[in-house]
Each structure stands twice: as C-alpha cells, then as structure tokens.
Protein backbone atom coordinates (compact mmCIF):
# COMPACT_ATOMS: atom_id res chain seq x y z
CA MET A 1 214.05 30.86 -13.09
CA PRO A 2 212.14 31.61 -9.84
CA PRO A 3 208.43 30.99 -10.13
CA SER A 4 207.89 34.72 -9.32
CA MET A 5 209.94 35.58 -12.28
CA GLN A 6 208.22 33.04 -14.37
CA LEU A 7 204.80 34.41 -13.27
CA LYS A 8 206.21 38.12 -14.04
CA ASP A 9 207.02 36.98 -17.67
CA HIS A 10 203.70 35.18 -18.04
CA TRP A 11 201.88 38.11 -17.40
CA GLN A 12 204.03 40.30 -19.49
CA GLU A 13 203.56 38.20 -22.31
CA GLN A 14 199.91 38.01 -21.69
CA ARG A 15 199.58 41.86 -21.41
CA LEU A 16 201.55 42.28 -24.75
CA PHE A 17 199.12 39.98 -26.25
CA LEU A 18 196.06 41.63 -25.09
CA SER A 19 197.51 45.18 -25.98
CA ARG A 20 197.68 43.88 -29.50
CA ILE A 21 193.96 42.79 -29.41
CA ILE A 22 193.05 46.19 -27.90
CA ALA A 23 194.74 48.02 -30.70
CA ALA A 24 192.42 46.36 -33.21
CA GLY A 25 189.26 46.05 -31.33
CA VAL A 26 187.63 45.97 -27.82
CA ILE A 27 186.08 43.36 -25.75
CA VAL A 28 183.20 44.30 -23.86
CA LEU A 29 181.98 42.06 -21.11
CA LEU A 30 178.17 42.39 -20.65
CA SER A 31 176.47 41.95 -17.24
CA PRO A 32 173.87 43.85 -15.42
CA ASP A 33 176.64 45.87 -13.70
CA SER A 34 178.38 46.73 -17.15
CA ASN A 35 175.08 47.84 -18.70
CA ASN A 36 174.88 50.39 -15.81
CA SER A 37 178.47 51.37 -15.81
CA GLU A 38 179.34 54.92 -17.16
CA TRP A 39 183.00 53.49 -17.67
CA VAL A 40 181.78 50.84 -20.03
CA ARG A 41 179.60 53.16 -21.96
CA ARG A 42 182.79 55.34 -22.39
CA GLU A 43 184.89 52.40 -23.49
CA ILE A 44 182.18 51.48 -26.27
CA SER A 45 182.18 55.25 -27.39
CA PHE A 46 186.01 55.26 -27.40
CA ALA A 47 185.82 52.28 -29.54
CA GLU A 48 183.36 53.65 -31.98
CA GLN A 49 185.21 56.98 -32.24
CA ASN A 50 188.33 55.30 -33.02
CA GLU A 51 186.91 52.81 -35.60
CA LYS A 52 187.67 49.74 -33.36
CA ARG A 53 185.77 46.47 -33.69
CA ILE A 54 183.57 45.71 -30.83
CA PHE A 55 183.33 42.06 -29.56
CA PRO A 56 180.47 41.86 -27.02
CA VAL A 57 180.81 38.86 -24.50
CA LEU A 58 177.83 37.90 -22.46
CA VAL A 59 179.23 36.84 -18.88
CA ARG A 60 176.32 37.21 -16.62
CA GLY A 61 172.44 38.15 -16.35
CA ASN A 62 169.88 37.86 -19.09
CA GLU A 63 169.92 39.68 -22.68
CA ASP A 64 167.25 42.32 -21.56
CA ASP A 65 169.17 43.77 -18.57
CA SER A 66 172.88 42.98 -19.82
CA ILE A 67 173.10 44.13 -23.35
CA PRO A 68 172.99 47.86 -24.03
CA LEU A 69 170.50 49.00 -26.85
CA ARG A 70 173.67 50.21 -29.12
CA LEU A 71 175.10 46.54 -29.06
CA SER A 72 171.84 44.66 -29.58
CA SER A 73 172.48 44.14 -33.30
CA HIS A 74 176.05 43.17 -32.67
CA GLN A 75 176.85 39.54 -32.88
CA ARG A 76 177.91 38.34 -29.41
CA VAL A 77 179.91 35.44 -27.60
CA ASP A 78 177.93 33.84 -24.74
CA LEU A 79 179.95 32.32 -22.02
CA ARG A 80 177.06 31.88 -19.43
CA ARG A 81 176.16 28.17 -20.19
CA ASN A 82 179.28 26.68 -22.13
CA PHE A 83 182.27 28.69 -21.20
CA ASP A 84 184.73 26.67 -23.26
CA ARG A 85 182.45 26.69 -26.37
CA GLY A 86 182.00 30.39 -25.89
CA LEU A 87 185.83 30.97 -25.62
CA ASP A 88 186.45 29.00 -28.76
CA GLU A 89 184.01 31.24 -30.50
CA LEU A 90 185.55 34.40 -29.27
CA ALA A 91 189.18 33.13 -30.23
CA ASN A 92 187.94 32.27 -33.76
CA ALA A 93 186.26 35.92 -34.03
CA LEU A 94 189.55 37.29 -32.92
CA ARG A 95 191.79 35.50 -35.08
CA ASP A 96 189.67 35.98 -38.36
CA TYR A 97 189.37 39.90 -37.40
CA LEU A 98 192.95 40.41 -36.63
CA GLY A 99 194.24 38.78 -39.65
CA LEU A 100 191.71 41.23 -41.63
CA THR A 101 192.77 44.19 -39.75
CA ALA A 102 196.77 43.63 -40.02
CA ILE A 103 196.21 43.16 -43.97
CA ARG A 104 193.96 46.18 -44.37
CA ARG A 105 196.03 48.72 -42.43
CA ARG A 106 199.47 47.82 -43.61
CA LYS A 107 201.17 49.58 -46.54
CA PRO A 108 201.08 47.48 -49.55
CA GLN A 109 204.83 46.98 -49.55
CA ALA A 110 204.71 45.32 -46.13
CA LYS A 111 203.85 41.81 -46.32
CA GLN A 112 204.05 41.04 -42.95
CA THR A 113 200.61 39.91 -41.15
CA PHE A 114 199.68 39.43 -37.75
CA SER A 115 197.77 36.11 -37.00
CA VAL A 116 197.21 33.92 -33.89
CA THR A 117 195.72 30.64 -33.43
CA PRO A 118 192.80 29.89 -31.39
CA ALA A 119 195.03 27.79 -29.05
CA GLN A 120 197.21 30.99 -28.55
CA ILE A 121 194.27 33.03 -27.61
CA ARG A 122 193.05 30.45 -25.27
CA LYS A 123 196.42 30.43 -23.62
CA PHE A 124 196.74 34.02 -23.19
CA ALA A 125 193.26 35.58 -23.23
CA LEU A 126 191.81 33.08 -20.67
CA PRO A 127 193.51 34.52 -17.85
CA GLY A 128 192.77 38.03 -19.03
CA LEU A 129 189.12 37.28 -19.44
CA ILE A 130 188.93 35.91 -15.90
CA ALA A 131 190.68 39.05 -14.71
CA LEU A 132 188.47 41.26 -16.42
CA ILE A 133 185.18 39.55 -15.25
CA GLY A 134 186.55 39.72 -11.64
CA LEU A 135 186.98 43.36 -12.11
CA LEU A 136 183.56 43.75 -13.76
CA CYS A 137 181.76 41.98 -10.73
CA LEU A 138 183.64 44.45 -8.44
CA GLY A 139 181.96 47.52 -10.25
CA GLY A 140 183.64 48.00 -13.62
CA LEU A 141 186.66 47.94 -15.88
CA THR A 142 188.59 50.91 -14.53
CA VAL A 143 191.72 49.82 -15.53
CA PHE A 144 190.86 48.73 -18.89
CA ALA A 145 188.84 51.97 -19.46
CA ARG A 146 191.88 54.08 -18.49
CA PHE A 147 194.10 52.29 -21.14
CA VAL A 148 191.56 53.07 -23.72
CA TYR A 149 191.21 56.58 -22.62
CA ASP A 150 194.81 57.15 -22.75
CA TYR A 151 195.20 55.42 -25.87
CA SER A 152 192.28 57.34 -27.51
CA ARG A 153 193.71 60.74 -26.45
CA ASN A 154 197.00 59.88 -28.26
CA THR A 155 195.22 58.59 -31.28
CA PRO A 156 193.64 61.31 -33.82
CA THR A 157 190.05 60.55 -34.08
CA PRO A 158 188.89 60.43 -37.50
CA ALA A 159 186.04 62.93 -38.70
CA PRO A 160 182.48 61.43 -38.78
CA THR A 161 181.89 60.02 -42.09
CA GLN A 162 178.53 60.14 -43.80
CA THR A 163 177.78 58.14 -46.95
CA ALA A 164 175.24 59.34 -49.40
CA SER A 165 173.39 56.77 -51.49
CA ALA A 166 174.73 55.95 -55.02
CA THR A 167 171.66 57.20 -56.32
CA ALA A 168 171.82 60.69 -55.07
CA PRO A 169 175.53 62.05 -56.20
CA GLY A 170 176.54 65.14 -54.38
CA VAL A 171 174.03 65.02 -51.80
CA THR A 172 175.21 66.10 -48.27
CA PRO A 173 173.27 64.16 -45.85
CA ILE A 174 172.04 65.77 -42.58
CA THR A 175 174.46 66.19 -39.76
CA LEU A 176 173.90 64.05 -36.48
CA THR A 177 176.13 63.74 -33.73
CA ASN A 178 176.60 59.96 -33.76
CA THR A 179 177.35 59.14 -37.41
CA ALA A 180 181.04 57.98 -37.18
CA VAL A 181 181.23 54.82 -39.63
CA LEU A 182 182.93 51.86 -38.19
CA VAL A 183 185.55 50.44 -40.50
CA ASN A 184 184.57 46.96 -40.76
CA THR A 185 184.04 45.16 -44.17
CA LYS A 186 182.07 42.44 -42.61
CA LEU A 187 179.24 44.47 -41.62
CA ASP A 188 176.14 43.62 -43.69
CA GLU A 189 174.74 46.00 -46.24
CA PRO A 190 171.01 46.90 -46.18
CA THR A 191 168.72 44.60 -48.27
CA GLY A 192 164.96 44.49 -48.89
CA LYS A 193 162.67 47.23 -50.14
CA ILE A 194 161.45 50.28 -48.51
CA VAL A 195 157.77 51.72 -49.35
CA TYR A 196 156.94 55.19 -48.65
CA THR A 197 154.94 58.27 -49.54
CA CYS A 198 156.12 60.53 -52.31
CA GLN A 199 154.40 63.83 -52.99
CA ILE A 200 155.05 63.83 -56.70
CA ALA A 201 151.76 65.29 -57.49
CA GLY A 202 150.01 65.09 -54.40
CA ASP A 203 150.51 61.93 -52.17
CA GLU A 204 151.44 58.72 -53.98
CA VAL A 205 153.00 55.47 -53.17
CA CYS A 206 156.65 54.72 -54.13
CA VAL A 207 158.99 52.02 -53.65
CA MET A 208 162.80 51.52 -53.88
CA ASN A 209 165.63 49.12 -52.78
CA ALA A 210 167.20 49.52 -49.53
CA ASP A 211 170.01 51.21 -51.10
CA GLY A 212 167.98 53.76 -52.94
CA SER A 213 168.25 51.92 -56.41
CA GLY A 214 165.30 50.58 -58.24
CA TRP A 215 162.90 53.47 -57.62
CA ARG A 216 159.34 53.02 -58.67
CA GLN A 217 156.02 54.96 -58.48
CA LEU A 218 153.28 52.62 -57.58
CA THR A 219 150.22 54.81 -57.88
CA ASN A 220 149.42 57.71 -60.21
CA ALA A 221 145.87 59.03 -59.52
CA PRO A 222 144.14 62.27 -58.79
CA HIS A 223 143.25 60.92 -55.38
CA ALA A 224 145.76 60.65 -52.43
CA SER A 225 147.46 57.38 -51.88
CA TYR A 226 149.58 56.86 -48.63
CA TYR A 227 150.37 54.75 -45.61
CA GLY A 228 152.01 52.03 -47.82
CA SER A 229 153.19 48.79 -46.08
CA LEU A 230 154.81 45.52 -47.31
CA SER A 231 153.81 42.09 -47.18
CA PRO A 232 156.05 39.86 -45.47
CA ASP A 233 157.03 38.07 -48.68
CA GLY A 234 157.72 41.33 -50.38
CA GLN A 235 155.20 40.55 -53.22
CA ALA A 236 152.68 43.27 -52.51
CA VAL A 237 151.96 46.53 -50.78
CA VAL A 238 148.86 47.57 -48.84
CA PHE A 239 148.06 51.32 -48.83
CA ILE A 240 145.36 53.72 -48.03
CA SER A 241 143.58 55.37 -50.86
CA LYS A 242 140.84 57.83 -51.39
CA ALA A 243 139.83 56.58 -54.95
CA THR A 244 136.37 56.05 -53.74
CA GLY A 245 135.72 59.22 -51.97
CA GLN A 246 136.36 57.60 -48.55
CA THR A 247 139.61 56.24 -47.14
CA GLU A 248 139.85 52.51 -47.86
CA ILE A 249 142.64 49.78 -47.88
CA PHE A 250 143.97 48.80 -51.23
CA GLU A 251 146.47 46.27 -52.37
CA GLN A 252 148.94 46.34 -55.36
CA ASN A 253 150.77 43.24 -56.51
CA LEU A 254 154.39 44.39 -57.01
CA THR A 255 155.05 41.89 -59.97
CA THR A 256 151.68 42.52 -62.02
CA GLY A 257 151.16 46.05 -61.03
CA LYS A 258 147.35 45.09 -60.44
CA THR A 259 145.53 46.85 -57.77
CA LYS A 260 142.52 45.71 -55.72
CA GLN A 261 140.41 47.34 -53.10
CA LEU A 262 140.24 45.08 -49.77
CA THR A 263 137.78 47.41 -47.75
CA ARG A 264 134.38 48.86 -48.24
CA LEU A 265 133.94 50.35 -44.89
CA GLU A 266 133.00 53.87 -45.88
CA ARG A 267 134.79 55.36 -42.86
CA GLU A 268 138.18 56.87 -42.30
CA VAL A 269 140.80 54.03 -42.00
CA GLY A 270 144.61 54.40 -41.92
CA SER A 271 148.16 52.71 -41.29
CA PRO A 272 147.49 49.01 -42.42
CA GLU A 273 150.10 46.45 -41.26
CA ILE A 274 150.04 42.81 -42.49
CA SER A 275 150.77 40.25 -40.08
CA PRO A 276 154.17 38.38 -40.22
CA ASP A 277 152.33 35.19 -41.00
CA ASN A 278 150.57 36.88 -43.76
CA LYS A 279 147.01 36.09 -42.51
CA TRP A 280 145.75 39.34 -40.99
CA ILE A 281 145.82 42.91 -41.36
CA ALA A 282 145.69 45.37 -38.66
CA PHE A 283 144.63 49.05 -39.15
CA THR A 284 143.32 52.21 -37.71
CA TYR A 285 139.48 52.67 -37.93
CA ARG A 286 137.21 55.77 -37.05
CA GLY A 287 133.44 55.20 -36.60
CA LYS A 288 130.61 57.60 -36.43
CA ASP A 289 131.88 58.79 -33.25
CA ASN A 290 135.18 59.68 -34.69
CA ILE A 291 137.25 57.88 -31.87
CA ALA A 292 140.09 55.83 -33.48
CA GLN A 293 140.03 52.15 -32.79
CA VAL A 294 142.35 49.38 -33.64
CA TRP A 295 140.72 46.83 -35.99
CA ILE A 296 141.69 43.55 -37.73
CA MET A 297 140.64 41.68 -40.73
CA ASN A 298 141.51 38.78 -42.78
CA ARG A 299 144.43 39.08 -45.16
CA ASP A 300 141.95 39.26 -48.27
CA GLY A 301 140.02 41.95 -46.57
CA SER A 302 137.05 39.82 -45.22
CA ASP A 303 135.57 40.14 -41.75
CA PRO A 304 136.75 43.37 -40.55
CA ARG A 305 136.07 43.86 -36.95
CA LYS A 306 137.03 45.69 -33.97
CA PHE A 307 140.09 44.50 -32.28
CA TYR A 308 140.57 47.00 -29.49
CA GLY A 309 139.20 50.67 -28.48
CA VAL A 310 137.79 52.70 -25.69
CA SER A 311 135.43 55.52 -25.43
CA ASN A 312 137.59 58.19 -23.81
CA GLN A 313 140.93 57.59 -25.63
CA GLU A 314 141.98 57.04 -29.31
CA ALA A 315 143.74 53.72 -30.20
CA HIS A 316 145.55 53.69 -33.38
CA ASP A 317 148.55 52.95 -35.56
CA PRO A 318 149.13 49.44 -34.73
CA THR A 319 152.15 47.25 -35.79
CA TRP A 320 152.94 43.55 -35.28
CA SER A 321 155.42 41.89 -33.03
CA PRO A 322 157.98 39.82 -35.11
CA ASP A 323 156.32 36.61 -34.03
CA GLY A 324 152.89 37.75 -34.64
CA SER A 325 151.67 37.07 -31.04
CA ARG A 326 151.06 40.79 -30.09
CA ILE A 327 150.08 44.27 -31.56
CA LEU A 328 151.78 47.39 -30.42
CA PHE A 329 149.61 50.60 -30.75
CA ALA A 330 149.35 54.00 -29.60
CA MET A 331 146.71 55.35 -27.31
CA GLY A 332 145.89 58.78 -25.94
CA LYS A 333 144.30 62.05 -27.38
CA GLY A 334 145.53 64.01 -30.41
CA GLU A 335 149.29 63.96 -30.81
CA ASN A 336 149.83 62.89 -26.93
CA ASN A 337 149.97 59.08 -26.88
CA LYS A 338 151.65 56.24 -24.98
CA LEU A 339 152.53 52.92 -26.54
CA TYR A 340 150.86 49.71 -25.40
CA MET A 341 151.00 46.11 -26.31
CA ILE A 342 148.21 43.75 -26.44
CA GLY A 343 147.81 39.98 -27.02
CA MET A 344 145.79 38.52 -29.61
CA ASP A 345 142.80 37.93 -27.45
CA GLY A 346 142.26 41.80 -27.82
CA THR A 347 142.21 42.44 -23.89
CA ASP A 348 144.44 43.82 -21.29
CA PRO A 349 146.74 46.21 -23.07
CA GLN A 350 149.97 46.89 -21.32
CA LEU A 351 151.60 50.09 -20.90
CA VAL A 352 155.29 50.04 -22.40
CA ASN A 353 156.64 53.28 -20.97
CA ASP A 354 154.81 56.00 -19.07
CA THR A 355 157.20 58.83 -19.82
CA ILE A 356 156.76 59.01 -23.59
CA ASP A 357 154.61 61.17 -25.41
CA THR A 358 154.35 60.30 -29.16
CA ARG A 359 151.92 60.99 -32.10
CA GLY A 360 151.71 57.27 -32.87
CA ARG A 361 153.21 55.23 -35.55
CA SER A 362 155.94 52.80 -34.43
CA ASP A 363 157.83 49.79 -35.29
CA TRP A 364 159.06 46.61 -33.55
CA SER A 365 162.38 45.04 -34.62
CA VAL A 366 163.09 41.16 -34.65
CA ASN A 367 165.69 42.10 -32.09
CA ASN A 368 162.77 43.30 -29.69
CA ILE A 369 163.64 47.03 -30.06
CA ILE A 370 160.86 49.55 -30.54
CA GLY A 371 161.36 52.57 -32.53
CA PHE A 372 159.04 55.73 -32.82
CA ASP A 373 159.51 59.48 -32.69
CA MET A 374 158.38 62.33 -30.29
CA GLY A 375 158.96 66.17 -29.97
CA GLY A 376 157.52 69.37 -30.58
CA PRO A 377 156.52 71.02 -34.11
CA PHE A 378 159.29 70.59 -36.36
CA GLN A 379 161.35 69.16 -33.42
CA HIS A 380 160.85 65.38 -33.60
CA ASP A 381 163.40 62.80 -32.99
CA VAL A 382 163.58 59.14 -33.25
CA TYR A 383 163.70 57.19 -30.14
CA LEU A 384 164.49 53.53 -29.23
CA MET A 385 163.78 51.45 -26.19
CA ASN A 386 163.42 47.69 -25.45
CA ILE A 387 160.10 46.12 -25.54
CA ASP A 388 159.85 46.23 -21.79
CA GLY A 389 160.12 50.14 -22.04
CA SER A 390 163.67 50.10 -20.61
CA HIS A 391 166.89 51.99 -22.04
CA LEU A 392 164.88 54.71 -23.61
CA GLU A 393 167.51 56.49 -25.90
CA LYS A 394 167.55 59.17 -28.48
CA PHE A 395 168.57 57.71 -31.82
CA SER A 396 168.56 60.83 -34.14
CA ASP A 397 169.81 64.40 -33.29
CA GLY A 398 167.50 67.06 -34.82
CA ASN A 399 166.37 67.68 -38.33
CA ASN A 400 162.86 66.91 -37.28
CA SER A 401 163.51 63.11 -37.75
CA GLN A 402 160.44 60.77 -37.44
CA GLY A 403 158.54 57.65 -39.11
CA ALA A 404 160.98 54.93 -37.87
CA SER A 405 160.98 51.42 -39.64
CA PHE A 406 163.32 48.82 -39.17
CA SER A 407 164.88 46.57 -41.67
CA PRO A 408 163.80 43.07 -41.68
CA ASP A 409 167.27 41.94 -40.06
CA GLY A 410 166.89 44.59 -37.42
CA LYS A 411 170.33 46.05 -38.44
CA TRP A 412 169.11 49.32 -39.97
CA ILE A 413 166.31 51.94 -39.31
CA ALA A 414 164.67 54.08 -42.30
CA PHE A 415 163.35 57.43 -41.22
CA THR A 416 162.16 60.83 -42.57
CA ALA A 417 164.44 63.89 -41.87
CA TYR A 418 164.19 67.31 -43.09
CA THR A 419 167.10 69.12 -44.82
CA ASP A 420 165.58 72.75 -44.14
CA VAL A 421 164.46 72.69 -40.50
CA ALA A 422 165.15 76.48 -40.05
CA ASN A 423 162.76 77.44 -42.68
CA LYS A 424 160.26 74.90 -41.67
CA ASP A 425 160.14 73.77 -45.39
CA GLN A 426 157.45 70.96 -45.49
CA ALA A 427 158.76 69.98 -49.01
CA SER A 428 162.35 69.39 -47.55
CA CYS A 429 161.62 65.88 -45.88
CA GLU A 430 163.75 62.94 -47.43
CA ILE A 431 164.30 59.25 -46.53
CA TYR A 432 167.31 58.11 -44.71
CA ILE A 433 168.70 55.02 -43.33
CA MET A 434 171.16 54.37 -40.50
CA ARG A 435 172.38 51.31 -38.66
CA VAL A 436 170.81 50.84 -35.22
CA ASP A 437 174.09 51.57 -33.41
CA GLY A 438 173.99 55.22 -34.71
CA THR A 439 176.48 54.83 -37.49
CA ASP A 440 176.68 54.87 -41.30
CA LEU A 441 173.92 57.62 -42.18
CA ARG A 442 172.79 57.27 -45.87
CA ARG A 443 170.44 59.59 -47.69
CA LEU A 444 168.39 57.55 -50.08
CA THR A 445 166.04 60.48 -51.82
CA ASN A 446 166.69 63.84 -53.03
CA ASN A 447 163.85 65.65 -54.32
CA SER A 448 162.09 68.83 -54.55
CA TYR A 449 159.02 67.44 -52.79
CA CYS A 450 158.43 65.49 -49.62
CA ASP A 451 159.20 61.83 -49.24
CA TYR A 452 157.76 60.36 -45.93
CA GLN A 453 156.27 57.50 -44.01
CA PRO A 454 158.85 54.83 -44.97
CA ARG A 455 158.20 51.32 -44.29
CA TRP A 456 160.85 48.43 -44.69
CA GLY A 457 160.41 45.01 -45.91
CA TYR A 458 161.52 42.15 -47.98
C-alpha cells in the first residue's frame, strides 16, 4: 500500500477513535490562549449542556492564567513537566470513564461494552493531542469547536435538572440559568456541616449536615444569636450572642452542648472566624468611635487586640486564607466596600479587585477562589473570582442570592436565596448549595422563617 494511503488510513482510524471519545466527553486543552478563547468557552458550555464529561489537560502557562474558574474544581492532567506520565493519566481516565459511560447508557439487554487500553489511547490519541495543541497555539480549537457545535445542534439538549434535598420533599428550588446537572456518578457528594442563623423565634444558631439531614437548633434564648462559624475540626461553633446585653463571642461544644463566653469587650463585635490551625479567632470590633476594625485574639478568647483598622474607613468581616497566612476582609463605608488581603504582620493590605462593591462577608476556598455577594436591595448575586482578582464571574442568577461559603473540599458553595423576591418577603430566605461549576442546585431548608448566614465546615 502506498505511504500516502497508509497515512490516510491512519488518520481515518485516529479520527474514528477521537470521535468516539468526543461522543462521551470533551478534552479541553488549557493554556493562557485557551482561557481567553470564546470558542473554548463555547466548547465547555456545549459539554455541560449535553452532559458530557470534561477532561481538562494543562499544556502551557500556569494555573492562575490558564484554568477557567468553572474548571478549577475539576481534576486535571498536567502535561507541562512530564508529558508521558501525564498522557498515561489521561489514558487511564479516558479508559475508566469510557467503560462506565458505555455500560450506563446502553439498554440492559445489550451486553456489548466499549473499552480501550492505555496503549491504544497512547497510539491514537497522542497524534490527535499534538495536533490540537498546535491549533491551540495558533489561536483556538476552531475545527474541534465546529464539530462539537454541529453535534450539539443535532443532539436534543436535556432540560436543566435541579435536585431538592431529601429532607425537603416536594420543594421546587429557585430557577437559575446555569443549573444543568452533569451525569457523572463519580462526582463527590457534599460532606461536612453547615451552621447558619435560623429565625425560629428571633435569631438562633442552627446546624445541619451538608445534605440537609441531621438538623439541630444550637441556641434557644430570648436574646439574639447569629454569625455562627465552625471550628476547623468540626467540634465547636463560635457565634455572636447578646446574652449580656452587648454583643459578645460565645462558643458551643457540639458534642456536649456546653456553651461558654469567650469575650468580655462590652462593645459591638461580629463575624468571628477561627483560623485553620485552630489557634486564633479573627472578628469585627467597633470601639467608642463606632468605626469597625479587624481584631484578633487567641482561640480561648484571651488577648483580644486590634489587627487592622483606619480612621476614615471601616474594616470588617475577616476570613482566613486556607493556609492561615493571610486574612481577607472588607473595607469601605456602609454597604460599599472593597475586599483586601493582609498578611499576619497586620500591615500593607492589598486591594483584590477595584471593580467590586460588596457589603462585606466573603469566603476563601482551598482552590484559591473568593466568593462574595453584591448588588442592590433585594438584587444581590453571588460572585466568584481568583485571589488575584481576575476572572470575576457572577455565580448565581437572581433570587437575591448572598452569603457565599465554600465546602471544605472547595467543590460546593452554600448560600442564601429568596423564594419570594417579587414581594420582597424577608421570611422567604432559604439555604441552598450548588457545585462551584454552577451545576446541581439543591435546596436544604424549607421553612416559614428566614434561614441565612450559612458557614460550611467539617
């Protein structure tokens, strides 16, 4: 057979193999160029809309400028340092997933399955990957995008699916535009606990498991209790209480139920957060001048002291970086604030993004994503961005969504949203969770009173 015919047959065989992969999932090559490519963004959207598994492959650049925010929580293959090992990882992932997909989608009586070996994937996928990388360097995956586009137009798009918590049967979650659920049995389920403020009879502190089960009311007193936050080991909750007539920080052991007072500052305090190493508590403090400052104290409540504050602006609502080396906080006036980061020396705060305007409370995920909310009265939405302020994106889509808090593994976000925004019903706020890629919306609470200020922990 002439060499030209052999080459033609080789590429036809390769294209057939790659088309079978594309039918089950999409390989996304990540680089600074692809991160800024409209075609690549469309490819990812097509994959999500058609319930296709996404396989991110990092080929060039660094994680901050090459990985889109929507793929930051996906497991990915890194080809930058060890191409052969990375390709083996991709081959194994494709082999495992293709076998799972074929078995799941065939009719019960059809016993045939489609499986491939890592050697086969290396033989056929390597030339295809090299070709795709070349296209990417030239400016985008145009041919690949056209294929996916044509495929998606001829494939019925499933209606967005929303899943209500098992503890709230019959509940219809709020409608967001980006809630199509990926069909993937390997995606992790939410774990840990969520503590929040529940207005059962005034403000009280409640806790539940991340799936909405195991609900408990932690406080029950005539005075208000709110701003709950879990300790890193999940054994205790710190919160604000007005038991003494002033707002002070209290702690409750979740095993024994014993509560103790940590501060006696006799001033207004709020939003306590325990450091990841369980050694410190950062919180908001208002002194005689009524200007909010970020304060810090030992874990047992001893040695409370000013950490950062200025005379002409309010600094408040601190939260810790995952490694405990920095604090993220809001600074501004009233409900108009920017977010800043500051090291443990308490000096030289760095502005994160000068385009945002938030009330204050934020969260910092283990994947180095910041979540916060902003918007007008009853028009708040949750936003996400990288820790350097880049890739600012709106996460929610209406329903006065606010109070973002990441799961400990960084794969989910808890937030408050309102079921009756039209009437501005203050009692219609409930707790929801959703994956950080904007899929799998779940409603966890369903009450006639407001549930808000969720904070996720172990």
